[in-house]
Amino acid sequence: MAWFVRDLGLGRRWTRAVGGSFAIWILYTCCLATSSVAARTSQAPALPAAQTTVWTGVYNAAQVKRGEALSIQKCVICHGDELLGGEAPTLVGPDFLVHWNSHTAWELFDRIKTTMPATTPGTLSAQESADILAYMLSVNGFPAGEKDLPSGMDALDQIRITERQAPE
């Protein structure tokens, strides 16, 4: 471009002015394109991953029986015979649901697995923790299904604890 300006006899001043304007134009165009892409992506926010709730039958009856037996061995000493509380918080009813409403099954499972029983925390296996969680869901009135409640983070993180069943 400089040779063209020299040939026209316009001098260095014009070259700097045009060169500077050209750089500003390039910068403006890049910014405009970037903001346009950002605006399009912000208009369509990503939807959260599809989640199921505890109302869809995420555990089965056999698992509840195993969880009940474990509960008698490991939980009633602190949470009481019917898990209604004692030395530790209640695991049944409105107080439980207020605390765990909107949390995932993984969050509750992890709490059970890493901090229970209080006398020997972290000693429950993943399967034992899932069985106890299934029993807790059962005594809170959530319906049973046909499959065992899984014990893996990815699967449990997709199950939401909700106080009320979502309308269909």
Protein backbone atom coordinates (compact mmCIF):
# COMPACT_ATOMS: atom_id res chain seq x y z
CA MET A 1 0.00 0.00 0.00
CA ALA A 2 2.88 2.35 0.73
CA TRP A 3 4.14 2.22 -2.88
CA PHE A 4 0.65 3.18 -4.09
CA VAL A 5 0.52 6.19 -1.79
CA ARG A 6 4.03 7.29 -2.81
CA ASP A 7 3.12 7.07 -6.45
CA LEU A 8 0.15 9.33 -5.84
CA GLY A 9 2.45 11.77 -4.12
CA LEU A 10 0.37 11.93 -0.97
CA GLY A 11 3.29 11.48 1.42
CA ARG A 12 3.87 9.80 4.77
CA ARG A 13 1.17 11.64 6.66
CA TRP A 14 -1.57 10.13 4.51
CA THR A 15 0.02 6.67 4.71
CA ARG A 16 -0.05 6.77 8.53
CA ALA A 17 -3.63 8.03 8.60
CA VAL A 18 -4.89 5.41 6.13
CA GLY A 19 -2.78 2.65 7.68
CA GLY A 20 -4.08 3.52 11.16
CA SER A 21 -7.66 3.66 9.92
CA PHE A 22 -7.23 0.31 8.24
CA ALA A 23 -5.94 -1.25 11.47
CA ILE A 24 -8.86 0.24 13.40
CA TRP A 25 -11.27 -1.10 10.79
CA ILE A 26 -9.77 -4.62 11.10
CA LEU A 27 -10.00 -4.46 14.90
CA TYR A 28 -13.60 -3.22 14.74
CA THR A 29 -14.57 -6.01 12.32
CA CYS A 30 -13.02 -8.68 14.55
CA CYS A 31 -14.77 -7.32 17.64
CA LEU A 32 -18.08 -7.15 15.80
CA ALA A 33 -17.76 -10.75 14.61
CA THR A 34 -16.82 -11.96 18.10
CA SER A 35 -19.71 -10.15 19.77
CA SER A 36 -22.10 -11.50 17.14
CA VAL A 37 -21.03 -15.09 17.91
CA ALA A 38 -21.27 -14.43 21.66
CA ALA A 39 -24.76 -12.99 21.27
CA ARG A 40 -25.95 -16.03 19.32
CA THR A 41 -24.61 -18.47 21.92
CA SER A 42 -26.03 -16.47 24.83
CA GLN A 43 -29.49 -16.44 23.25
CA ALA A 44 -29.68 -20.24 23.37
CA PRO A 45 -28.35 -21.30 26.77
CA ALA A 46 -27.42 -24.92 27.18
CA LEU A 47 -30.11 -26.93 28.88
CA PRO A 48 -29.14 -28.98 31.93
CA ALA A 49 -28.70 -32.69 31.42
CA ALA A 50 -31.93 -34.64 31.55
CA GLN A 51 -32.49 -35.77 35.10
CA THR A 52 -34.86 -38.20 36.66
CA THR A 53 -36.26 -37.85 40.15
CA VAL A 54 -36.71 -40.20 43.09
CA TRP A 55 -40.38 -40.39 42.08
CA THR A 56 -39.59 -42.60 39.07
CA GLY A 57 -38.76 -45.82 40.91
CA VAL A 58 -34.97 -45.68 41.16
CA TYR A 59 -34.54 -48.63 43.57
CA ASN A 60 -36.24 -52.01 44.08
CA ALA A 61 -37.84 -53.93 46.96
CA ALA A 62 -34.96 -56.40 47.38
CA GLN A 63 -32.55 -53.51 47.83
CA VAL A 64 -34.85 -51.98 50.45
CA LYS A 65 -34.72 -55.21 52.48
CA ARG A 66 -30.92 -55.21 52.37
CA GLY A 67 -30.89 -51.51 53.33
CA GLU A 68 -33.28 -52.09 56.22
CA ALA A 69 -31.05 -54.85 57.63
CA LEU A 70 -28.00 -52.59 57.33
CA SER A 71 -29.91 -49.71 58.90
CA ILE A 72 -30.68 -51.84 61.95
CA GLN A 73 -27.00 -52.73 62.28
CA LYS A 74 -25.44 -49.36 61.49
CA CYS A 75 -27.92 -46.48 61.69
CA VAL A 76 -30.48 -46.91 64.48
CA ILE A 77 -27.96 -46.37 67.25
CA CYS A 78 -27.85 -42.66 66.32
CA HIS A 79 -30.90 -42.08 64.09
CA GLY A 80 -33.40 -44.10 66.15
CA ASP A 81 -35.43 -47.26 65.47
CA GLU A 82 -37.52 -45.74 62.70
CA LEU A 83 -34.86 -43.24 61.60
CA LEU A 84 -36.88 -40.44 63.18
CA GLY A 85 -33.85 -38.96 64.89
CA GLY A 86 -32.23 -39.27 68.25
CA GLU A 87 -28.64 -38.29 68.69
CA ALA A 88 -28.56 -37.60 64.95
CA PRO A 89 -31.03 -35.86 62.61
CA THR A 90 -34.16 -37.52 61.34
CA LEU A 91 -33.88 -39.35 58.03
CA VAL A 92 -37.65 -39.47 57.50
CA GLY A 93 -40.36 -36.92 56.81
CA PRO A 94 -40.53 -33.18 56.25
CA ASP A 95 -37.29 -32.26 58.04
CA PHE A 96 -35.35 -34.72 55.90
CA LEU A 97 -37.05 -33.54 52.71
CA VAL A 98 -36.49 -29.86 53.48
CA HIS A 99 -32.79 -30.53 53.90
CA TRP A 100 -32.32 -32.78 50.84
CA ASN A 101 -34.90 -31.30 48.44
CA SER A 102 -33.23 -30.41 45.09
CA HIS A 103 -30.03 -32.28 45.92
CA THR A 104 -28.91 -35.25 43.87
CA ALA A 105 -28.92 -38.84 45.05
CA TRP A 106 -25.14 -38.72 44.60
CA GLU A 107 -24.81 -35.98 47.23
CA LEU A 108 -26.75 -38.01 49.80
CA PHE A 109 -25.00 -41.26 48.82
CA ASP A 110 -21.61 -39.56 49.22
CA ARG A 111 -22.59 -38.23 52.65
CA ILE A 112 -23.61 -41.74 53.73
CA LYS A 113 -20.53 -43.40 52.24
CA THR A 114 -17.92 -41.00 53.59
CA THR A 115 -19.32 -39.99 56.99
CA MET A 116 -21.39 -42.94 58.20
CA PRO A 117 -21.71 -44.69 60.50
CA ALA A 118 -20.62 -41.99 62.91
CA THR A 119 -18.69 -44.50 65.04
CA THR A 120 -16.66 -45.78 62.06
CA PRO A 121 -17.02 -43.30 59.17
CA GLY A 122 -16.13 -44.38 55.67
CA THR A 123 -16.43 -48.11 56.35
CA LEU A 124 -19.58 -48.75 54.31
CA SER A 125 -19.07 -50.22 50.85
CA ALA A 126 -20.61 -48.54 47.82
CA GLN A 127 -23.26 -51.27 47.64
CA GLU A 128 -24.10 -50.95 51.35
CA SER A 129 -24.41 -47.17 50.98
CA ALA A 130 -26.73 -47.59 47.97
CA ASP A 131 -28.84 -50.14 49.88
CA ILE A 132 -29.19 -47.80 52.88
CA LEU A 133 -30.09 -44.93 50.56
CA ALA A 134 -32.74 -47.12 48.88
CA TYR A 135 -34.20 -47.90 52.33
CA MET A 136 -34.23 -44.19 53.21
CA LEU A 137 -36.05 -43.37 49.96
CA SER A 138 -38.55 -46.12 50.71
CA VAL A 139 -39.38 -44.93 54.22
CA ASN A 140 -39.85 -41.43 52.80
CA GLY A 141 -42.56 -42.72 50.49
CA PHE A 142 -40.74 -42.64 47.17
CA PRO A 143 -41.91 -45.52 44.95
CA ALA A 144 -39.87 -48.63 44.21
CA GLY A 145 -38.97 -49.64 40.68
CA GLU A 146 -37.48 -52.73 39.14
CA LYS A 147 -33.74 -52.09 39.24
CA ASP A 148 -31.28 -51.60 42.08
CA LEU A 149 -30.30 -48.04 42.85
CA PRO A 150 -26.84 -47.74 41.29
CA SER A 151 -23.77 -46.87 43.32
CA GLY A 152 -21.84 -44.92 40.67
CA MET A 153 -21.46 -41.16 40.72
CA ASP A 154 -22.51 -40.60 37.09
CA ALA A 155 -25.81 -42.47 37.51
CA LEU A 156 -26.64 -41.09 40.98
CA ASP A 157 -25.83 -37.55 39.90
CA GLN A 158 -28.68 -37.79 37.37
CA ILE A 159 -31.27 -38.57 40.09
CA ARG A 160 -32.74 -35.53 41.82
CA ILE A 161 -34.38 -35.70 45.25
CA THR A 162 -37.58 -33.67 45.04
CA GLU A 163 -40.18 -33.03 47.69
CA ARG A 164 -43.08 -33.45 45.27
CA GLN A 165 -43.57 -35.48 42.17
CA ALA A 166 -43.20 -33.43 39.01
CA PRO A 167 -46.42 -33.06 37.02
CA GLU A 168 -46.61 -35.23 33.95
